[in-house]
Amino acid sequence: MFNIPNILAFIRLLLAPLMFLFLVNQDASIFEGIDRSWLNYFAAFIFVVASATDFFDGYIARTFNQVTVLGAILDPLADKMLTLAGFLGLMMLDWASPWAIFLILTRELFITGLRVSAMSQGMDISASWMGKVKTVVQMIAIGFLLMQWPGGTVLLWIAVVLTLYSGYEYVRDFFQKMSHHPID
């Protein structure tokens, strides 16, 4: 049950709140005496490590046939927690547009609900190629915004467009599968 891909996804689950802690508690007494820029670097480092686990857990699971039901639950949950921590932290620091974050998070919640609904009816709506691209662009945008590099805001809005488009693809696929899979 707990194979290497699942352990990596679980590590990502633990790293997401740690990154969020560094982002949003920069004035807390636990960080007294530490320059804010270092806290941002720590948050960015944690984010990069967590993002790398996303690549490796999927690669190992597919390459070594270690795909499990637990992994199918943990991996997307860990991805959502990581991006949620990044986006909310950035928004709280006023480094990211609240509208962009609202659109991304609304789509994520809606599609998660849609996928759960599909699974309850025996349908598989797996992540599409565009869904994977969307996740990568979201993670790159978060990284750029965390480091306050030029182009971070542009990448964020590109991520919004890709996020909404991949959401459209999920909805389209859901209704196509529904038309071939009537509810009992």
N, C-alpha and C. Protein backbone atom coordinates (compact mmCIF):
# COMPACT_ATOMS: atom_id res chain seq x y z
N MET A 1 0.82 -1.19 0.00
CA MET A 1 0.00 0.00 0.00
C MET A 1 0.86 1.26 0.00
N PHE A 2 1.83 1.36 0.93
CA PHE A 2 2.71 2.52 0.94
C PHE A 2 3.96 2.21 0.15
N ASN A 3 3.91 2.46 -1.15
CA ASN A 3 5.07 2.30 -2.00
C ASN A 3 5.76 3.66 -2.15
N ILE A 4 6.83 3.71 -2.91
CA ILE A 4 7.60 4.94 -3.05
C ILE A 4 6.74 6.09 -3.60
N PRO A 5 5.94 5.91 -4.67
CA PRO A 5 5.12 7.02 -5.14
C PRO A 5 4.16 7.55 -4.07
N ASN A 6 3.57 6.66 -3.29
CA ASN A 6 2.64 7.10 -2.24
C ASN A 6 3.38 7.84 -1.13
N ILE A 7 4.57 7.40 -0.80
CA ILE A 7 5.38 8.08 0.22
C ILE A 7 5.73 9.49 -0.27
N LEU A 8 6.09 9.61 -1.55
CA LEU A 8 6.41 10.93 -2.10
C LEU A 8 5.19 11.85 -2.08
N ALA A 9 4.03 11.33 -2.41
CA ALA A 9 2.80 12.14 -2.35
C ALA A 9 2.51 12.55 -0.91
N PHE A 10 2.74 11.63 0.04
CA PHE A 10 2.51 11.94 1.44
C PHE A 10 3.48 13.03 1.92
N ILE A 11 4.72 12.96 1.47
CA ILE A 11 5.70 14.01 1.80
C ILE A 11 5.21 15.36 1.28
N ARG A 12 4.67 15.36 0.06
CA ARG A 12 4.13 16.60 -0.51
C ARG A 12 2.98 17.14 0.34
N LEU A 13 2.15 16.23 0.87
CA LEU A 13 1.07 16.65 1.78
C LEU A 13 1.63 17.36 3.01
N LEU A 14 2.76 16.88 3.53
CA LEU A 14 3.36 17.49 4.72
C LEU A 14 4.09 18.79 4.40
N LEU A 15 4.68 18.88 3.21
CA LEU A 15 5.43 20.07 2.84
C LEU A 15 4.53 21.27 2.55
N ALA A 16 3.31 21.02 2.06
CA ALA A 16 2.40 22.14 1.71
C ALA A 16 2.12 23.06 2.90
N PRO A 17 1.71 22.53 4.07
CA PRO A 17 1.47 23.45 5.18
C PRO A 17 2.75 24.09 5.73
N LEU A 18 3.88 23.39 5.59
CA LEU A 18 5.15 23.98 6.03
C LEU A 18 5.49 25.20 5.17
N MET A 19 5.31 25.07 3.86
CA MET A 19 5.55 26.19 2.97
C MET A 19 4.61 27.35 3.32
N PHE A 20 3.34 27.02 3.56
CA PHE A 20 2.34 28.03 3.92
C PHE A 20 2.75 28.76 5.20
N LEU A 21 3.27 28.01 6.17
CA LEU A 21 3.74 28.60 7.43
C LEU A 21 4.80 29.66 7.17
N PHE A 22 5.78 29.35 6.33
CA PHE A 22 6.84 30.32 6.02
C PHE A 22 6.29 31.55 5.30
N LEU A 23 5.28 31.36 4.48
CA LEU A 23 4.73 32.49 3.72
C LEU A 23 3.89 33.43 4.58
N VAL A 24 3.00 32.88 5.38
CA VAL A 24 2.00 33.74 6.02
C VAL A 24 2.32 34.13 7.45
N ASN A 25 3.33 33.55 8.05
CA ASN A 25 3.67 33.88 9.43
C ASN A 25 5.01 34.60 9.54
N GLN A 26 5.27 35.46 8.59
CA GLN A 26 6.57 36.11 8.55
C GLN A 26 6.79 37.09 9.70
N ASP A 27 5.71 37.52 10.35
CA ASP A 27 5.85 38.42 11.49
C ASP A 27 5.75 37.68 12.83
N ALA A 28 5.62 36.37 12.79
CA ALA A 28 5.45 35.58 14.02
C ALA A 28 6.74 35.55 14.83
N SER A 29 6.59 35.39 16.12
CA SER A 29 7.75 35.38 17.01
C SER A 29 8.68 34.20 16.72
N ILE A 30 8.13 33.11 16.17
CA ILE A 30 9.00 31.96 15.88
C ILE A 30 10.04 32.28 14.81
N PHE A 31 9.77 33.33 14.03
CA PHE A 31 10.71 33.73 12.97
C PHE A 31 11.46 35.02 13.32
N GLU A 32 11.38 35.42 14.59
CA GLU A 32 12.04 36.65 15.02
C GLU A 32 13.54 36.58 14.73
N GLY A 33 14.05 37.61 14.14
CA GLY A 33 15.47 37.68 13.84
C GLY A 33 15.85 37.11 12.48
N ILE A 34 14.88 36.51 11.79
CA ILE A 34 15.16 35.96 10.46
C ILE A 34 14.63 36.95 9.43
N ASP A 35 15.47 37.34 8.52
CA ASP A 35 15.06 38.29 7.49
C ASP A 35 13.95 37.69 6.63
N ARG A 36 12.97 38.52 6.28
CA ARG A 36 11.82 38.06 5.48
C ARG A 36 12.26 37.42 4.17
N SER A 37 13.30 37.93 3.55
CA SER A 37 13.73 37.35 2.28
C SER A 37 14.14 35.90 2.45
N TRP A 38 14.74 35.57 3.61
CA TRP A 38 15.12 34.18 3.86
C TRP A 38 13.90 33.29 4.02
N LEU A 39 12.85 33.83 4.64
CA LEU A 39 11.62 33.06 4.78
C LEU A 39 11.02 32.78 3.40
N ASN A 40 11.10 33.77 2.51
CA ASN A 40 10.62 33.56 1.15
C ASN A 40 11.46 32.50 0.43
N TYR A 41 12.77 32.55 0.63
CA TYR A 41 13.64 31.53 0.01
C TYR A 41 13.32 30.14 0.54
N PHE A 42 13.10 30.03 1.86
CA PHE A 42 12.73 28.74 2.45
C PHE A 42 11.42 28.24 1.85
N ALA A 43 10.44 29.13 1.75
CA ALA A 43 9.15 28.75 1.17
C ALA A 43 9.33 28.29 -0.27
N ALA A 44 10.13 29.03 -1.03
CA ALA A 44 10.37 28.66 -2.43
C ALA A 44 11.11 27.32 -2.52
N PHE A 45 12.09 27.11 -1.66
CA PHE A 45 12.83 25.84 -1.66
C PHE A 45 11.89 24.67 -1.35
N ILE A 46 11.06 24.84 -0.33
CA ILE A 46 10.10 23.80 0.03
C ILE A 46 9.17 23.53 -1.14
N PHE A 47 8.75 24.59 -1.81
CA PHE A 47 7.85 24.44 -2.95
C PHE A 47 8.52 23.66 -4.08
N VAL A 48 9.77 23.97 -4.37
CA VAL A 48 10.50 23.27 -5.44
C VAL A 48 10.66 21.79 -5.10
N VAL A 49 11.03 21.50 -3.86
CA VAL A 49 11.19 20.10 -3.44
C VAL A 49 9.85 19.37 -3.56
N ALA A 50 8.78 20.00 -3.07
CA ALA A 50 7.45 19.38 -3.14
C ALA A 50 7.02 19.18 -4.60
N SER A 51 7.28 20.15 -5.45
CA SER A 51 6.93 20.02 -6.86
C SER A 51 7.70 18.89 -7.52
N ALA A 52 8.95 18.72 -7.13
CA ALA A 52 9.76 17.62 -7.69
C ALA A 52 9.17 16.27 -7.28
N THR A 53 8.63 16.17 -6.07
CA THR A 53 8.03 14.90 -5.67
C THR A 53 6.83 14.58 -6.54
N ASP A 54 6.14 15.61 -7.03
CA ASP A 54 4.99 15.38 -7.91
C ASP A 54 5.45 14.70 -9.20
N PHE A 55 6.54 15.18 -9.77
CA PHE A 55 7.05 14.56 -10.99
C PHE A 55 7.48 13.13 -10.72
N PHE A 56 8.27 12.94 -9.67
CA PHE A 56 8.84 11.62 -9.42
C PHE A 56 7.81 10.59 -9.00
N ASP A 57 6.80 10.99 -8.22
CA ASP A 57 5.84 9.96 -7.82
C ASP A 57 5.06 9.45 -9.02
N GLY A 58 4.69 10.34 -9.93
CA GLY A 58 3.99 9.89 -11.14
C GLY A 58 4.88 9.05 -12.04
N TYR A 59 6.12 9.48 -12.21
CA TYR A 59 7.05 8.76 -13.07
C TYR A 59 7.31 7.34 -12.54
N ILE A 60 7.59 7.25 -11.25
CA ILE A 60 7.87 5.94 -10.65
C ILE A 60 6.63 5.05 -10.70
N ALA A 61 5.46 5.62 -10.40
CA ALA A 61 4.23 4.81 -10.39
C ALA A 61 3.96 4.22 -11.78
N ARG A 62 4.13 5.03 -12.82
CA ARG A 62 3.86 4.52 -14.17
C ARG A 62 4.96 3.59 -14.66
N THR A 63 6.21 3.97 -14.46
CA THR A 63 7.34 3.19 -14.97
C THR A 63 7.44 1.82 -14.32
N PHE A 64 7.20 1.75 -13.02
CA PHE A 64 7.37 0.50 -12.28
C PHE A 64 6.04 -0.13 -11.89
N ASN A 65 4.99 0.29 -12.56
CA ASN A 65 3.64 -0.26 -12.36
C ASN A 65 3.27 -0.29 -10.86
N GLN A 66 3.42 0.86 -10.23
CA GLN A 66 3.11 0.99 -8.81
C GLN A 66 1.90 1.91 -8.60
N VAL A 67 0.99 1.92 -9.56
CA VAL A 67 -0.22 2.73 -9.45
C VAL A 67 -1.16 2.03 -8.47
N THR A 68 -1.64 2.77 -7.46
CA THR A 68 -2.53 2.20 -6.45
C THR A 68 -3.75 3.09 -6.27
N VAL A 69 -4.78 2.56 -5.65
CA VAL A 69 -5.97 3.35 -5.34
C VAL A 69 -5.59 4.47 -4.37
N LEU A 70 -4.76 4.15 -3.36
CA LEU A 70 -4.31 5.17 -2.43
C LEU A 70 -3.57 6.29 -3.16
N GLY A 71 -2.72 5.92 -4.09
CA GLY A 71 -1.99 6.92 -4.88
C GLY A 71 -2.91 7.78 -5.72
N ALA A 72 -3.96 7.17 -6.26
CA ALA A 72 -4.93 7.92 -7.06
C ALA A 72 -5.66 8.96 -6.22
N ILE A 73 -5.72 8.74 -4.92
CA ILE A 73 -6.34 9.71 -4.01
C ILE A 73 -5.30 10.71 -3.49
N LEU A 74 -4.15 10.18 -3.03
CA LEU A 74 -3.13 11.04 -2.43
C LEU A 74 -2.52 12.03 -3.42
N ASP A 75 -2.20 11.59 -4.63
CA ASP A 75 -1.50 12.45 -5.59
C ASP A 75 -2.28 13.72 -5.91
N PRO A 76 -3.54 13.62 -6.36
CA PRO A 76 -4.25 14.88 -6.65
C PRO A 76 -4.51 15.71 -5.39
N LEU A 77 -4.72 15.05 -4.24
CA LEU A 77 -4.92 15.79 -3.00
C LEU A 77 -3.66 16.58 -2.65
N ALA A 78 -2.51 15.94 -2.77
CA ALA A 78 -1.24 16.61 -2.47
C ALA A 78 -1.00 17.77 -3.44
N ASP A 79 -1.31 17.56 -4.72
CA ASP A 79 -1.17 18.64 -5.71
C ASP A 79 -2.05 19.83 -5.33
N LYS A 80 -3.30 19.55 -4.96
CA LYS A 80 -4.23 20.62 -4.62
C LYS A 80 -3.77 21.34 -3.35
N MET A 81 -3.30 20.58 -2.36
CA MET A 81 -2.83 21.23 -1.13
C MET A 81 -1.63 22.11 -1.40
N LEU A 82 -0.72 21.65 -2.24
CA LEU A 82 0.48 22.43 -2.54
C LEU A 82 0.13 23.71 -3.29
N THR A 83 -0.69 23.60 -4.33
CA THR A 83 -1.05 24.80 -5.08
C THR A 83 -1.93 25.72 -4.24
N LEU A 84 -2.82 25.15 -3.43
CA LEU A 84 -3.65 25.96 -2.55
C LEU A 84 -2.78 26.75 -1.56
N ALA A 85 -1.82 26.08 -0.94
CA ALA A 85 -0.91 26.75 -0.01
C ALA A 85 -0.15 27.87 -0.71
N GLY A 86 0.35 27.58 -1.89
CA GLY A 86 1.10 28.59 -2.64
C GLY A 86 0.24 29.77 -3.03
N PHE A 87 -0.90 29.49 -3.65
CA PHE A 87 -1.76 30.57 -4.12
C PHE A 87 -2.33 31.40 -2.97
N LEU A 88 -2.81 30.75 -1.91
CA LEU A 88 -3.36 31.52 -0.79
C LEU A 88 -2.28 32.34 -0.08
N GLY A 89 -1.11 31.75 0.08
CA GLY A 89 0.00 32.49 0.69
C GLY A 89 0.38 33.71 -0.13
N LEU A 90 0.47 33.52 -1.44
CA LEU A 90 0.81 34.64 -2.33
C LEU A 90 -0.26 35.72 -2.30
N MET A 91 -1.52 35.30 -2.25
CA MET A 91 -2.61 36.26 -2.21
C MET A 91 -2.59 37.03 -0.88
N MET A 92 -2.32 36.33 0.22
CA MET A 92 -2.28 36.98 1.53
C MET A 92 -1.13 37.99 1.61
N LEU A 93 -0.05 37.73 0.89
CA LEU A 93 1.08 38.67 0.85
C LEU A 93 0.86 39.78 -0.17
N ASP A 94 -0.25 39.69 -0.89
CA ASP A 94 -0.59 40.64 -1.96
C ASP A 94 0.41 40.56 -3.12
N TRP A 95 0.88 39.34 -3.40
CA TRP A 95 1.80 39.12 -4.51
C TRP A 95 1.11 38.46 -5.69
N ALA A 96 -0.18 38.18 -5.54
CA ALA A 96 -0.93 37.53 -6.62
C ALA A 96 -2.35 38.09 -6.63
N SER A 97 -2.91 38.18 -7.81
CA SER A 97 -4.25 38.71 -7.99
C SER A 97 -5.29 37.82 -7.31
N PRO A 98 -6.11 38.40 -6.43
CA PRO A 98 -7.19 37.61 -5.82
C PRO A 98 -8.15 37.03 -6.86
N TRP A 99 -8.39 37.75 -7.95
CA TRP A 99 -9.28 37.24 -9.00
C TRP A 99 -8.70 36.01 -9.68
N ALA A 100 -7.41 36.05 -9.95
CA ALA A 100 -6.76 34.89 -10.57
C ALA A 100 -6.86 33.69 -9.64
N ILE A 101 -6.59 33.91 -8.36
CA ILE A 101 -6.64 32.83 -7.38
C ILE A 101 -8.06 32.31 -7.24
N PHE A 102 -9.03 33.21 -7.19
CA PHE A 102 -10.43 32.81 -7.09
C PHE A 102 -10.84 31.92 -8.27
N LEU A 103 -10.48 32.33 -9.50
CA LEU A 103 -10.84 31.54 -10.68
C LEU A 103 -10.18 30.16 -10.65
N ILE A 104 -8.91 30.12 -10.30
CA ILE A 104 -8.20 28.84 -10.25
C ILE A 104 -8.80 27.92 -9.19
N LEU A 105 -9.00 28.43 -7.99
CA LEU A 105 -9.49 27.58 -6.91
C LEU A 105 -10.93 27.14 -7.14
N THR A 106 -11.75 28.00 -7.72
CA THR A 106 -13.13 27.62 -8.04
C THR A 106 -13.14 26.48 -9.03
N ARG A 107 -12.32 26.58 -10.07
CA ARG A 107 -12.24 25.50 -11.07
C ARG A 107 -11.77 24.21 -10.41
N GLU A 108 -10.74 24.30 -9.56
CA GLU A 108 -10.20 23.11 -8.92
C GLU A 108 -11.26 22.41 -8.07
N LEU A 109 -12.01 23.18 -7.28
CA LEU A 109 -13.05 22.59 -6.45
C LEU A 109 -14.16 21.98 -7.30
N PHE A 110 -14.57 22.68 -8.34
CA PHE A 110 -15.64 22.19 -9.20
C PHE A 110 -15.24 20.88 -9.88
N ILE A 111 -14.05 20.84 -10.45
CA ILE A 111 -13.60 19.64 -11.18
C ILE A 111 -13.37 18.48 -10.21
N THR A 112 -12.88 18.76 -9.01
CA THR A 112 -12.73 17.69 -8.03
C THR A 112 -14.09 17.07 -7.72
N GLY A 113 -15.10 17.91 -7.53
CA GLY A 113 -16.45 17.41 -7.30
C GLY A 113 -16.98 16.63 -8.49
N LEU A 114 -16.71 17.10 -9.67
CA LEU A 114 -17.14 16.42 -10.89
C LEU A 114 -16.48 15.04 -11.01
N ARG A 115 -15.20 14.97 -10.70
CA ARG A 115 -14.48 13.69 -10.76
C ARG A 115 -15.01 12.71 -9.73
N VAL A 116 -15.32 13.20 -8.53
CA VAL A 116 -15.88 12.33 -7.50
C VAL A 116 -17.25 11.81 -7.95
N SER A 117 -18.06 12.68 -8.53
CA SER A 117 -19.37 12.28 -9.05
C SER A 117 -19.22 11.22 -10.14
N ALA A 118 -18.27 11.43 -11.04
CA ALA A 118 -18.04 10.46 -12.12
C ALA A 118 -17.59 9.12 -11.54
N MET A 119 -16.67 9.16 -10.57
CA MET A 119 -16.19 7.92 -9.96
C MET A 119 -17.31 7.17 -9.27
N SER A 120 -18.23 7.90 -8.64
CA SER A 120 -19.34 7.24 -7.94
C SER A 120 -20.27 6.53 -8.91
N GLN A 121 -20.20 6.91 -10.19
CA GLN A 121 -21.03 6.28 -11.21
C GLN A 121 -20.21 5.30 -12.06
N GLY A 122 -19.01 4.99 -11.59
CA GLY A 122 -18.19 4.01 -12.29
C GLY A 122 -17.46 4.55 -13.51
N MET A 123 -17.42 5.85 -13.66
CA MET A 123 -16.72 6.45 -14.79
C MET A 123 -15.34 6.93 -14.35
N ASP A 124 -14.40 6.85 -15.25
CA ASP A 124 -13.06 7.34 -14.98
C ASP A 124 -12.83 8.61 -15.78
N ILE A 125 -12.60 9.68 -15.06
CA ILE A 125 -12.23 10.93 -15.72
C ILE A 125 -10.84 11.28 -15.20
N SER A 126 -9.85 10.67 -15.81
CA SER A 126 -8.46 10.87 -15.39
C SER A 126 -7.96 12.22 -15.85
N ALA A 127 -6.84 12.61 -15.26
CA ALA A 127 -6.23 13.88 -15.66
C ALA A 127 -5.85 13.83 -17.13
N SER A 128 -6.23 14.87 -17.84
CA SER A 128 -5.91 14.97 -19.26
C SER A 128 -4.51 15.55 -19.43
N TRP A 129 -4.04 15.51 -20.65
CA TRP A 129 -2.74 16.12 -20.95
C TRP A 129 -2.79 17.61 -20.61
N MET A 130 -3.88 18.29 -20.95
CA MET A 130 -4.02 19.71 -20.65
C MET A 130 -4.07 19.93 -19.14
N GLY A 131 -4.68 19.01 -18.41
CA GLY A 131 -4.70 19.12 -16.95
C GLY A 131 -3.30 19.05 -16.36
N LYS A 132 -2.46 18.21 -16.94
CA LYS A 132 -1.08 18.10 -16.47
C LYS A 132 -0.29 19.36 -16.82
N VAL A 133 -0.50 19.89 -18.04
CA VAL A 133 0.16 21.13 -18.44
C VAL A 133 -0.26 22.26 -17.51
N LYS A 134 -1.56 22.31 -17.21
CA LYS A 134 -2.10 23.33 -16.31
C LYS A 134 -1.40 23.29 -14.97
N THR A 135 -1.22 22.08 -14.42
CA THR A 135 -0.57 21.94 -13.12
C THR A 135 0.87 22.43 -13.17
N VAL A 136 1.59 22.08 -14.23
CA VAL A 136 2.98 22.50 -14.38
C VAL A 136 3.06 24.03 -14.46
N VAL A 137 2.19 24.64 -15.27
CA VAL A 137 2.22 26.10 -15.42
C VAL A 137 1.84 26.78 -14.11
N GLN A 138 0.87 26.21 -13.40
CA GLN A 138 0.51 26.76 -12.08
C GLN A 138 1.73 26.73 -11.16
N MET A 139 2.43 25.61 -11.14
CA MET A 139 3.58 25.47 -10.25
C MET A 139 4.72 26.41 -10.64
N ILE A 140 4.94 26.58 -11.94
CA ILE A 140 5.96 27.53 -12.39
C ILE A 140 5.57 28.94 -12.00
N ALA A 141 4.29 29.29 -12.17
CA ALA A 141 3.82 30.63 -11.80
C ALA A 141 4.01 30.87 -10.31
N ILE A 142 3.66 29.87 -9.49
CA ILE A 142 3.85 30.01 -8.05
C ILE A 142 5.33 30.23 -7.73
N GLY A 143 6.20 29.45 -8.36
CA GLY A 143 7.64 29.60 -8.14
C GLY A 143 8.12 30.99 -8.50
N PHE A 144 7.71 31.50 -9.66
CA PHE A 144 8.11 32.84 -10.09
C PHE A 144 7.59 33.89 -9.11
N LEU A 145 6.34 33.75 -8.69
CA LEU A 145 5.76 34.72 -7.77
C LEU A 145 6.42 34.65 -6.40
N LEU A 146 6.74 33.44 -5.93
CA LEU A 146 7.43 33.31 -4.64
C LEU A 146 8.78 34.02 -4.66
N MET A 147 9.47 33.90 -5.78
CA MET A 147 10.79 34.52 -5.88
C MET A 147 10.70 35.98 -6.34
N GLN A 148 9.48 36.41 -6.63
CA GLN A 148 9.21 37.77 -7.12
C GLN A 148 10.03 38.09 -8.37
N TRP A 149 10.10 37.10 -9.26
CA TRP A 149 10.79 37.27 -10.53
C TRP A 149 9.87 37.94 -11.53
N PRO A 150 10.44 38.66 -12.48
CA PRO A 150 9.62 39.28 -13.53
C PRO A 150 8.87 38.19 -14.32
N GLY A 151 7.67 38.52 -14.70
CA GLY A 151 6.87 37.58 -15.50
C GLY A 151 5.96 36.69 -14.68
N GLY A 152 6.08 36.74 -13.35
CA GLY A 152 5.25 35.89 -12.51
C GLY A 152 3.77 36.15 -12.68
N THR A 153 3.40 37.42 -12.78
CA THR A 153 1.98 37.77 -12.95
C THR A 153 1.47 37.30 -14.30
N VAL A 154 2.27 37.45 -15.33
CA VAL A 154 1.87 36.98 -16.67
C VAL A 154 1.69 35.47 -16.64
N LEU A 155 2.62 34.77 -16.02
CA LEU A 155 2.50 33.30 -15.91
C LEU A 155 1.25 32.91 -15.12
N LEU A 156 0.92 33.69 -14.10
CA LEU A 156 -0.28 33.40 -13.32
C LEU A 156 -1.52 33.48 -14.20
N TRP A 157 -1.60 34.51 -15.04
CA TRP A 157 -2.78 34.66 -15.90
C TRP A 157 -2.80 33.61 -17.02
N ILE A 158 -1.63 33.19 -17.48
CA ILE A 158 -1.58 32.07 -18.43
C ILE A 158 -2.10 30.81 -17.73
N ALA A 159 -1.71 30.63 -16.47
CA ALA A 159 -2.20 29.49 -15.70
C ALA A 159 -3.72 29.56 -15.55
N VAL A 160 -4.26 30.75 -15.36
CA VAL A 160 -5.72 30.90 -15.24
C VAL A 160 -6.39 30.43 -16.53
N VAL A 161 -5.89 30.88 -17.67
CA VAL A 161 -6.49 30.50 -18.96
C VAL A 161 -6.41 28.98 -19.14
N LEU A 162 -5.25 28.39 -18.89
CA LEU A 162 -5.09 26.94 -19.03
C LEU A 162 -5.96 26.18 -18.04
N THR A 163 -6.09 26.73 -16.84
CA THR A 163 -6.92 26.10 -15.80
C THR A 163 -8.38 26.07 -16.25
N LEU A 164 -8.87 27.19 -16.74
CA LEU A 164 -10.27 27.25 -17.18
C LEU A 164 -10.49 26.37 -18.40
N TYR A 165 -9.53 26.37 -19.33
CA TYR A 165 -9.69 25.53 -20.52
C TYR A 165 -9.68 24.05 -20.15
N SER A 166 -8.77 23.64 -19.28
CA SER A 166 -8.74 22.22 -18.91
C SER A 166 -10.01 21.86 -18.13
N GLY A 167 -10.57 22.81 -17.39
CA GLY A 167 -11.85 22.59 -16.72
C GLY A 167 -12.96 22.35 -17.73
N TYR A 168 -12.95 23.13 -18.79
CA TYR A 168 -13.91 22.92 -19.88
C TYR A 168 -13.77 21.50 -20.45
N GLU A 169 -12.53 21.05 -20.65
CA GLU A 169 -12.31 19.70 -21.19
C GLU A 169 -12.88 18.63 -20.26
N TYR A 170 -12.70 18.80 -18.96
CA TYR A 170 -13.25 17.83 -18.00
C TYR A 170 -14.77 17.80 -18.09
N VAL A 171 -15.39 18.97 -18.13
CA VAL A 171 -16.86 19.04 -18.20
C VAL A 171 -17.35 18.40 -19.49
N ARG A 172 -16.70 18.71 -20.60
CA ARG A 172 -17.07 18.13 -21.90
C ARG A 172 -16.95 16.61 -21.86
N ASP A 173 -15.82 16.10 -21.34
CA ASP A 173 -15.62 14.65 -21.26
C ASP A 173 -16.65 14.00 -20.34
N PHE A 174 -16.96 14.67 -19.24
CA PHE A 174 -17.95 14.14 -18.31
C PHE A 174 -19.29 13.95 -19.00
N PHE A 175 -19.75 14.97 -19.71
CA PHE A 175 -21.05 14.87 -20.35
C PHE A 175 -21.05 13.90 -21.54
N GLN A 176 -19.92 13.77 -22.22
CA GLN A 176 -19.82 12.76 -23.28
C GLN A 176 -19.92 11.37 -22.68
N LYS A 177 -19.24 11.14 -21.58
CA LYS A 177 -19.30 9.82 -20.94
C LYS A 177 -20.67 9.58 -20.33
N MET A 178 -21.31 10.62 -19.83
CA MET A 178 -22.65 10.48 -19.26
C MET A 178 -23.66 10.04 -20.33
N SER A 179 -23.47 10.55 -21.55
CA SER A 179 -24.41 10.19 -22.61
C SER A 179 -24.30 8.71 -23.00
N HIS A 180 -23.15 8.09 -22.71
CA HIS A 180 -22.94 6.67 -22.98
C HIS A 180 -23.06 5.80 -21.73
N HIS A 181 -23.32 6.44 -20.60
CA HIS A 181 -23.37 5.75 -19.32
C HIS A 181 -24.57 6.27 -18.54
N PRO A 182 -25.77 5.82 -18.92
CA PRO A 182 -26.97 6.34 -18.25
C PRO A 182 -27.00 5.96 -16.77
N ILE A 183 -27.58 6.85 -15.98
CA ILE A 183 -27.73 6.62 -14.54
C ILE A 183 -28.85 5.62 -14.33
N ASP A 184 -28.59 4.63 -13.45
CA ASP A 184 -29.61 3.61 -13.17
C ASP A 184 -30.75 4.17 -12.37
